[in-house]
Amino acid sequence: MENQYELYMRQALELAAQAARLGEVPVGALVVKNGRIVGRGFNRREGSKNALSHAELIAIDQACRTLGGWRLFGCDLYVTLEPCPMCAGAIINSRIDHVVFGAYDKKAGSCGSVINLFELPYNHFPTAMGGILQQECAGMLSDFFKQLRK
């Protein structure tokens, strides 16, 4: 039986698959509050021609609109890839409580791989847990990049 982390991560993987079908790096994210998904997003940088179109930022934007405010207290973010510094900053600034991610990012991961921005003395300290459905999340990314090289 799947736990809640795996259940939501599978939904984030579905969003990542949507990104891959559009030729985007397959990263999916969702924001959950009290068991309800309030924001969804997947990478759209190529299509939007915008460096800010990361899955996490799109999901956070949608959650703010859904909940009617920029403070996302009581919310969890599920994302298939460890957040980069930009997204970790947005997580801190939006006051998300907890981040659950799948694959670790040795090149840009800012929840422990390269640095843990959540441990620095900012005004909010989200917690993070990585490695949820790690093989599936990492596999989707490596398959995407293998296809791109062909």
N, C-alpha and C. Protein backbone atom coordinates (compact mmCIF):
# COMPACT_ATOMS: atom_id res chain seq x y z
N MET A 1 0.84 -1.19 0.00
CA MET A 1 0.00 0.00 0.00
C MET A 1 0.88 1.25 0.00
N GLU A 2 0.53 2.18 -0.85
CA GLU A 2 1.32 3.41 -0.97
C GLU A 2 1.03 4.36 0.18
N ASN A 3 2.08 5.05 0.63
CA ASN A 3 1.86 6.09 1.62
C ASN A 3 1.52 7.40 0.90
N GLN A 4 1.19 8.42 1.68
CA GLN A 4 0.78 9.69 1.06
C GLN A 4 1.88 10.31 0.23
N TYR A 5 3.14 10.14 0.65
CA TYR A 5 4.25 10.71 -0.11
C TYR A 5 4.31 10.11 -1.51
N GLU A 6 4.20 8.79 -1.58
CA GLU A 6 4.24 8.11 -2.88
C GLU A 6 3.02 8.45 -3.72
N LEU A 7 1.88 8.55 -3.09
CA LEU A 7 0.64 8.88 -3.80
C LEU A 7 0.77 10.24 -4.50
N TYR A 8 1.21 11.25 -3.76
CA TYR A 8 1.35 12.57 -4.37
C TYR A 8 2.52 12.62 -5.35
N MET A 9 3.59 11.88 -5.07
CA MET A 9 4.72 11.88 -5.99
C MET A 9 4.32 11.24 -7.32
N ARG A 10 3.47 10.24 -7.29
CA ARG A 10 2.99 9.65 -8.56
C ARG A 10 2.23 10.68 -9.37
N GLN A 11 1.47 11.53 -8.70
CA GLN A 11 0.75 12.59 -9.42
C GLN A 11 1.74 13.62 -9.98
N ALA A 12 2.80 13.90 -9.23
CA ALA A 12 3.83 14.81 -9.74
C ALA A 12 4.53 14.17 -10.95
N LEU A 13 4.73 12.86 -10.91
CA LEU A 13 5.33 12.15 -12.06
C LEU A 13 4.43 12.25 -13.30
N GLU A 14 3.13 12.21 -13.11
CA GLU A 14 2.21 12.38 -14.24
C GLU A 14 2.38 13.76 -14.87
N LEU A 15 2.55 14.78 -14.02
CA LEU A 15 2.80 16.13 -14.53
C LEU A 15 4.14 16.19 -15.27
N ALA A 16 5.15 15.51 -14.73
CA ALA A 16 6.46 15.47 -15.39
C ALA A 16 6.34 14.82 -16.77
N ALA A 17 5.53 13.78 -16.87
CA ALA A 17 5.33 13.11 -18.15
C ALA A 17 4.67 14.06 -19.16
N GLN A 18 3.77 14.92 -18.69
CA GLN A 18 3.16 15.92 -19.58
C GLN A 18 4.25 16.85 -20.13
N ALA A 19 5.16 17.25 -19.25
CA ALA A 19 6.26 18.11 -19.70
C ALA A 19 7.09 17.41 -20.77
N ALA A 20 7.42 16.15 -20.54
CA ALA A 20 8.24 15.40 -21.50
C ALA A 20 7.56 15.31 -22.86
N ARG A 21 6.24 15.10 -22.86
CA ARG A 21 5.52 15.02 -24.13
C ARG A 21 5.59 16.33 -24.91
N LEU A 22 5.80 17.43 -24.21
CA LEU A 22 5.93 18.74 -24.86
C LEU A 22 7.38 19.10 -25.17
N GLY A 23 8.30 18.15 -24.91
CA GLY A 23 9.71 18.41 -25.16
C GLY A 23 10.40 19.20 -24.05
N GLU A 24 9.76 19.28 -22.91
CA GLU A 24 10.31 19.99 -21.75
C GLU A 24 11.01 18.98 -20.84
N VAL A 25 11.99 19.45 -20.07
CA VAL A 25 12.62 18.59 -19.07
C VAL A 25 11.53 18.11 -18.13
N PRO A 26 11.41 16.80 -17.94
CA PRO A 26 10.28 16.25 -17.19
C PRO A 26 10.38 16.42 -15.67
N VAL A 27 9.90 17.57 -15.22
CA VAL A 27 9.79 17.83 -13.79
C VAL A 27 8.35 18.26 -13.54
N GLY A 28 7.74 17.64 -12.54
CA GLY A 28 6.38 17.98 -12.15
C GLY A 28 6.33 18.32 -10.68
N ALA A 29 5.38 19.19 -10.32
CA ALA A 29 5.26 19.62 -8.92
C ALA A 29 3.81 19.86 -8.57
N LEU A 30 3.49 19.65 -7.31
CA LEU A 30 2.17 20.02 -6.82
C LEU A 30 2.26 20.50 -5.38
N VAL A 31 1.33 21.39 -5.04
CA VAL A 31 1.23 21.94 -3.69
C VAL A 31 -0.04 21.36 -3.08
N VAL A 32 0.11 20.86 -1.85
CA VAL A 32 -0.99 20.20 -1.15
C VAL A 32 -1.22 20.90 0.18
N LYS A 33 -2.49 21.17 0.47
CA LYS A 33 -2.87 21.71 1.78
C LYS A 33 -4.04 20.90 2.33
N ASN A 34 -3.85 20.35 3.51
CA ASN A 34 -4.90 19.55 4.17
C ASN A 34 -5.45 18.46 3.26
N GLY A 35 -4.57 17.78 2.55
CA GLY A 35 -4.99 16.68 1.68
C GLY A 35 -5.59 17.09 0.36
N ARG A 36 -5.61 18.38 0.06
CA ARG A 36 -6.20 18.89 -1.18
C ARG A 36 -5.10 19.50 -2.04
N ILE A 37 -5.04 19.12 -3.31
CA ILE A 37 -4.08 19.72 -4.23
C ILE A 37 -4.58 21.12 -4.60
N VAL A 38 -3.75 22.12 -4.30
CA VAL A 38 -4.14 23.51 -4.55
C VAL A 38 -3.31 24.16 -5.65
N GLY A 39 -2.27 23.46 -6.11
CA GLY A 39 -1.43 23.98 -7.18
C GLY A 39 -0.72 22.86 -7.91
N ARG A 40 -0.65 22.97 -9.23
CA ARG A 40 0.04 21.98 -10.07
C ARG A 40 0.92 22.72 -11.06
N GLY A 41 2.03 22.09 -11.42
CA GLY A 41 2.87 22.69 -12.44
C GLY A 41 3.85 21.68 -13.01
N PHE A 42 4.29 21.96 -14.21
CA PHE A 42 5.39 21.20 -14.81
C PHE A 42 6.25 22.16 -15.60
N ASN A 43 7.48 21.76 -15.85
CA ASN A 43 8.42 22.63 -16.55
C ASN A 43 7.83 23.11 -17.87
N ARG A 44 8.02 24.40 -18.14
CA ARG A 44 7.54 24.99 -19.39
C ARG A 44 8.54 26.01 -19.93
N ARG A 45 9.80 25.85 -19.55
CA ARG A 45 10.80 26.85 -19.95
C ARG A 45 10.97 26.96 -21.46
N GLU A 46 11.01 25.83 -22.14
CA GLU A 46 11.22 25.87 -23.59
C GLU A 46 10.04 26.51 -24.29
N GLY A 47 8.85 26.08 -23.97
CA GLY A 47 7.65 26.60 -24.62
C GLY A 47 7.39 28.07 -24.32
N SER A 48 7.64 28.46 -23.08
CA SER A 48 7.37 29.85 -22.68
C SER A 48 8.55 30.77 -22.98
N LYS A 49 9.72 30.17 -23.29
CA LYS A 49 10.95 30.94 -23.50
C LYS A 49 11.23 31.82 -22.29
N ASN A 50 11.01 31.23 -21.08
CA ASN A 50 11.14 31.98 -19.85
C ASN A 50 11.86 31.14 -18.80
N ALA A 51 12.97 31.64 -18.31
CA ALA A 51 13.77 30.92 -17.32
C ALA A 51 13.03 30.68 -16.01
N LEU A 52 11.97 31.43 -15.76
CA LEU A 52 11.21 31.30 -14.52
C LEU A 52 10.16 30.20 -14.56
N SER A 53 9.96 29.57 -15.68
CA SER A 53 8.88 28.59 -15.84
C SER A 53 9.25 27.20 -15.33
N HIS A 54 9.72 27.15 -14.09
CA HIS A 54 10.00 25.88 -13.43
C HIS A 54 8.71 25.32 -12.85
N ALA A 55 8.65 24.01 -12.74
CA ALA A 55 7.46 23.33 -12.23
C ALA A 55 7.03 23.87 -10.87
N GLU A 56 8.00 24.06 -9.98
CA GLU A 56 7.69 24.52 -8.62
C GLU A 56 7.07 25.91 -8.64
N LEU A 57 7.63 26.81 -9.44
CA LEU A 57 7.12 28.18 -9.47
C LEU A 57 5.71 28.24 -10.03
N ILE A 58 5.44 27.42 -11.02
CA ILE A 58 4.09 27.37 -11.60
C ILE A 58 3.10 26.82 -10.57
N ALA A 59 3.49 25.77 -9.85
CA ALA A 59 2.62 25.18 -8.82
C ALA A 59 2.40 26.17 -7.67
N ILE A 60 3.45 26.87 -7.26
CA ILE A 60 3.32 27.86 -6.18
C ILE A 60 2.41 29.00 -6.62
N ASP A 61 2.58 29.48 -7.85
CA ASP A 61 1.72 30.55 -8.36
C ASP A 61 0.25 30.11 -8.35
N GLN A 62 -0.01 28.91 -8.82
CA GLN A 62 -1.39 28.41 -8.85
C GLN A 62 -1.95 28.26 -7.42
N ALA A 63 -1.12 27.79 -6.49
CA ALA A 63 -1.57 27.64 -5.10
C ALA A 63 -1.92 29.00 -4.49
N CYS A 64 -1.10 30.01 -4.76
CA CYS A 64 -1.38 31.36 -4.25
C CYS A 64 -2.72 31.87 -4.79
N ARG A 65 -2.96 31.63 -6.07
CA ARG A 65 -4.22 32.06 -6.68
C ARG A 65 -5.40 31.29 -6.07
N THR A 66 -5.23 29.98 -5.90
CA THR A 66 -6.30 29.14 -5.35
C THR A 66 -6.64 29.56 -3.92
N LEU A 67 -5.61 29.81 -3.12
CA LEU A 67 -5.82 30.11 -1.70
C LEU A 67 -6.01 31.60 -1.42
N GLY A 68 -5.75 32.43 -2.41
CA GLY A 68 -6.01 33.86 -2.26
C GLY A 68 -4.98 34.62 -1.44
N GLY A 69 -3.74 34.15 -1.45
CA GLY A 69 -2.69 34.86 -0.73
C GLY A 69 -1.33 34.28 -1.04
N TRP A 70 -0.29 35.04 -0.71
CA TRP A 70 1.07 34.60 -1.03
C TRP A 70 1.68 33.72 0.04
N ARG A 71 1.12 33.71 1.23
CA ARG A 71 1.65 32.89 2.32
C ARG A 71 1.01 31.51 2.26
N LEU A 72 1.83 30.51 2.02
CA LEU A 72 1.33 29.15 1.87
C LEU A 72 1.61 28.31 3.12
N PHE A 73 1.31 28.90 4.29
CA PHE A 73 1.45 28.16 5.54
C PHE A 73 0.58 26.91 5.49
N GLY A 74 1.08 25.83 6.04
CA GLY A 74 0.32 24.58 6.08
C GLY A 74 0.35 23.81 4.78
N CYS A 75 1.17 24.26 3.83
CA CYS A 75 1.24 23.59 2.53
C CYS A 75 2.52 22.77 2.40
N ASP A 76 2.42 21.69 1.64
CA ASP A 76 3.55 20.84 1.28
C ASP A 76 3.73 20.91 -0.23
N LEU A 77 4.98 20.89 -0.66
CA LEU A 77 5.30 20.87 -2.09
C LEU A 77 5.90 19.51 -2.42
N TYR A 78 5.36 18.86 -3.43
CA TYR A 78 5.89 17.60 -3.95
C TYR A 78 6.46 17.89 -5.32
N VAL A 79 7.70 17.48 -5.54
CA VAL A 79 8.35 17.76 -6.83
C VAL A 79 9.26 16.58 -7.18
N THR A 80 9.32 16.26 -8.46
CA THR A 80 10.06 15.07 -8.90
C THR A 80 11.57 15.24 -8.88
N LEU A 81 12.06 16.48 -8.83
CA LEU A 81 13.49 16.76 -8.80
C LEU A 81 13.78 17.76 -7.68
N GLU A 82 14.85 17.55 -6.97
CA GLU A 82 15.26 18.46 -5.90
C GLU A 82 15.29 19.90 -6.41
N PRO A 83 14.67 20.82 -5.69
CA PRO A 83 14.60 22.21 -6.15
C PRO A 83 15.97 22.88 -6.30
N CYS A 84 16.05 23.75 -7.31
CA CYS A 84 17.23 24.57 -7.57
C CYS A 84 17.22 25.76 -6.62
N PRO A 85 18.27 26.61 -6.64
CA PRO A 85 18.29 27.76 -5.72
C PRO A 85 17.12 28.72 -5.93
N MET A 86 16.73 28.96 -7.17
CA MET A 86 15.61 29.87 -7.43
C MET A 86 14.33 29.34 -6.82
N CYS A 87 14.07 28.05 -7.02
CA CYS A 87 12.84 27.46 -6.50
C CYS A 87 12.89 27.33 -4.98
N ALA A 88 14.05 27.00 -4.43
CA ALA A 88 14.19 26.93 -2.98
C ALA A 88 13.90 28.31 -2.37
N GLY A 89 14.37 29.37 -3.03
CA GLY A 89 14.07 30.72 -2.56
C GLY A 89 12.57 31.01 -2.59
N ALA A 90 11.91 30.59 -3.64
CA ALA A 90 10.46 30.80 -3.74
C ALA A 90 9.72 29.99 -2.66
N ILE A 91 10.22 28.81 -2.36
CA ILE A 91 9.62 27.98 -1.31
C ILE A 91 9.74 28.69 0.04
N ILE A 92 10.92 29.22 0.32
CA ILE A 92 11.13 29.96 1.57
C ILE A 92 10.22 31.18 1.61
N ASN A 93 10.20 31.95 0.54
CA ASN A 93 9.43 33.20 0.52
C ASN A 93 7.92 32.98 0.54
N SER A 94 7.46 31.84 0.04
CA SER A 94 6.02 31.57 0.06
C SER A 94 5.58 30.88 1.35
N ARG A 95 6.55 30.57 2.21
CA ARG A 95 6.28 29.99 3.53
C ARG A 95 5.73 28.56 3.47
N ILE A 96 6.08 27.83 2.42
CA ILE A 96 5.72 26.41 2.35
C ILE A 96 6.39 25.69 3.51
N ASP A 97 5.67 24.79 4.14
CA ASP A 97 6.18 24.11 5.34
C ASP A 97 7.15 22.97 5.04
N HIS A 98 6.81 22.17 4.03
CA HIS A 98 7.55 20.93 3.83
C HIS A 98 7.69 20.65 2.33
N VAL A 99 8.87 20.19 1.93
CA VAL A 99 9.14 19.82 0.54
C VAL A 99 9.47 18.33 0.50
N VAL A 100 8.82 17.64 -0.41
CA VAL A 100 9.08 16.22 -0.66
C VAL A 100 9.53 16.13 -2.11
N PHE A 101 10.74 15.59 -2.33
CA PHE A 101 11.21 15.49 -3.72
C PHE A 101 11.65 14.07 -4.02
N GLY A 102 11.72 13.79 -5.32
CA GLY A 102 12.07 12.45 -5.79
C GLY A 102 13.57 12.30 -6.01
N ALA A 103 14.04 12.76 -7.15
CA ALA A 103 15.44 12.60 -7.54
C ALA A 103 16.29 13.71 -6.94
N TYR A 104 17.49 13.34 -6.53
CA TYR A 104 18.48 14.33 -6.07
C TYR A 104 19.13 14.98 -7.29
N ASP A 105 19.51 16.25 -7.16
CA ASP A 105 20.15 16.98 -8.24
C ASP A 105 21.55 17.39 -7.80
N LYS A 106 22.54 16.61 -8.23
CA LYS A 106 23.93 16.86 -7.82
C LYS A 106 24.51 18.15 -8.39
N LYS A 107 23.87 18.70 -9.43
CA LYS A 107 24.39 19.91 -10.07
C LYS A 107 23.78 21.20 -9.53
N ALA A 108 22.52 21.16 -9.13
CA ALA A 108 21.85 22.40 -8.71
C ALA A 108 20.94 22.22 -7.50
N GLY A 109 20.90 21.03 -6.93
CA GLY A 109 19.99 20.77 -5.81
C GLY A 109 20.30 21.63 -4.60
N SER A 110 19.28 22.33 -4.13
CA SER A 110 19.48 23.28 -3.03
C SER A 110 18.73 22.90 -1.76
N CYS A 111 18.44 21.60 -1.64
CA CYS A 111 17.84 21.05 -0.42
C CYS A 111 18.76 19.99 0.18
N GLY A 112 20.06 20.10 -0.12
CA GLY A 112 21.03 19.18 0.46
C GLY A 112 22.12 18.70 -0.47
N SER A 113 21.87 18.62 -1.78
CA SER A 113 22.87 18.06 -2.68
C SER A 113 24.07 18.98 -2.89
N VAL A 114 23.81 20.22 -3.29
CA VAL A 114 24.88 21.21 -3.47
C VAL A 114 24.96 22.07 -2.22
N ILE A 115 23.80 22.50 -1.77
CA ILE A 115 23.66 23.33 -0.56
C ILE A 115 22.26 23.07 -0.02
N ASN A 116 22.06 23.37 1.24
CA ASN A 116 20.70 23.30 1.79
C ASN A 116 20.30 24.72 2.20
N LEU A 117 19.60 25.39 1.31
CA LEU A 117 19.18 26.77 1.58
C LEU A 117 18.20 26.84 2.74
N PHE A 118 17.54 25.74 3.04
CA PHE A 118 16.57 25.73 4.13
C PHE A 118 17.23 25.79 5.50
N GLU A 119 18.54 25.58 5.56
CA GLU A 119 19.26 25.64 6.83
C GLU A 119 19.90 27.01 7.09
N LEU A 120 19.87 27.87 6.11
CA LEU A 120 20.47 29.20 6.27
C LEU A 120 19.53 30.11 7.08
N PRO A 121 20.08 31.16 7.68
CA PRO A 121 19.27 31.97 8.60
C PRO A 121 18.31 32.95 7.90
N TYR A 122 17.41 32.41 7.10
CA TYR A 122 16.34 33.21 6.52
C TYR A 122 15.21 33.30 7.54
N ASN A 123 14.10 33.90 7.14
CA ASN A 123 12.99 34.08 8.08
C ASN A 123 12.02 32.91 8.11
N HIS A 124 12.25 31.88 7.31
CA HIS A 124 11.37 30.71 7.28
C HIS A 124 12.23 29.48 7.02
N PHE A 125 11.91 28.39 7.66
CA PHE A 125 12.74 27.17 7.59
C PHE A 125 11.90 25.96 7.17
N PRO A 126 11.67 25.79 5.88
CA PRO A 126 10.94 24.59 5.44
C PRO A 126 11.77 23.34 5.76
N THR A 127 11.10 22.22 5.88
CA THR A 127 11.80 20.95 5.99
C THR A 127 11.76 20.28 4.62
N ALA A 128 12.69 19.36 4.41
CA ALA A 128 12.74 18.66 3.12
C ALA A 128 13.03 17.19 3.33
N MET A 129 12.45 16.39 2.46
CA MET A 129 12.70 14.95 2.46
C MET A 129 12.84 14.52 1.00
N GLY A 130 13.97 13.90 0.68
CA GLY A 130 14.22 13.47 -0.69
C GLY A 130 14.22 11.97 -0.84
N GLY A 131 14.22 11.54 -2.09
CA GLY A 131 14.33 10.13 -2.41
C GLY A 131 13.01 9.39 -2.51
N ILE A 132 11.89 10.11 -2.53
CA ILE A 132 10.59 9.46 -2.66
C ILE A 132 10.39 9.08 -4.13
N LEU A 133 10.20 7.79 -4.38
CA LEU A 133 10.11 7.25 -5.75
C LEU A 133 11.30 7.73 -6.58
N GLN A 134 12.45 7.73 -5.94
CA GLN A 134 13.67 8.26 -6.56
C GLN A 134 14.00 7.59 -7.89
N GLN A 135 13.89 6.27 -7.97
CA GLN A 135 14.24 5.58 -9.22
C GLN A 135 13.33 5.99 -10.36
N GLU A 136 12.03 6.09 -10.09
CA GLU A 136 11.09 6.50 -11.13
C GLU A 136 11.37 7.94 -11.59
N CYS A 137 11.59 8.82 -10.62
CA CYS A 137 11.84 10.23 -10.95
C CYS A 137 13.15 10.39 -11.73
N ALA A 138 14.22 9.78 -11.23
CA ALA A 138 15.51 9.88 -11.91
C ALA A 138 15.47 9.19 -13.27
N GLY A 139 14.77 8.06 -13.34
CA GLY A 139 14.66 7.31 -14.60
C GLY A 139 13.98 8.12 -15.68
N MET A 140 12.92 8.84 -15.31
CA MET A 140 12.22 9.67 -16.30
C MET A 140 13.14 10.74 -16.85
N LEU A 141 13.94 11.34 -15.98
CA LEU A 141 14.89 12.36 -16.43
C LEU A 141 15.97 11.77 -17.32
N SER A 142 16.57 10.65 -16.91
CA SER A 142 17.64 10.07 -17.72
C SER A 142 17.12 9.56 -19.06
N ASP A 143 15.92 9.00 -19.09
CA ASP A 143 15.31 8.57 -20.36
C ASP A 143 15.11 9.76 -21.30
N PHE A 144 14.64 10.86 -20.74
CA PHE A 144 14.40 12.07 -21.53
C PHE A 144 15.70 12.55 -22.17
N PHE A 145 16.78 12.61 -21.37
CA PHE A 145 18.05 13.12 -21.92
C PHE A 145 18.69 12.13 -22.88
N LYS A 146 18.49 10.83 -22.69
CA LYS A 146 18.97 9.85 -23.67
C LYS A 146 18.29 10.06 -25.01
N GLN A 147 16.97 10.28 -24.97
CA GLN A 147 16.21 10.52 -26.21
C GLN A 147 16.69 11.79 -26.89
N LEU A 148 16.99 12.80 -26.12
CA LEU A 148 17.43 14.08 -26.67
C LEU A 148 18.76 13.94 -27.40
N ARG A 149 19.63 13.08 -26.90
CA ARG A 149 20.97 12.90 -27.51
C ARG A 149 20.90 12.11 -28.80
N LYS A 150 19.81 11.41 -29.05
CA LYS A 150 19.70 10.60 -30.27
C LYS A 150 19.50 11.45 -31.50
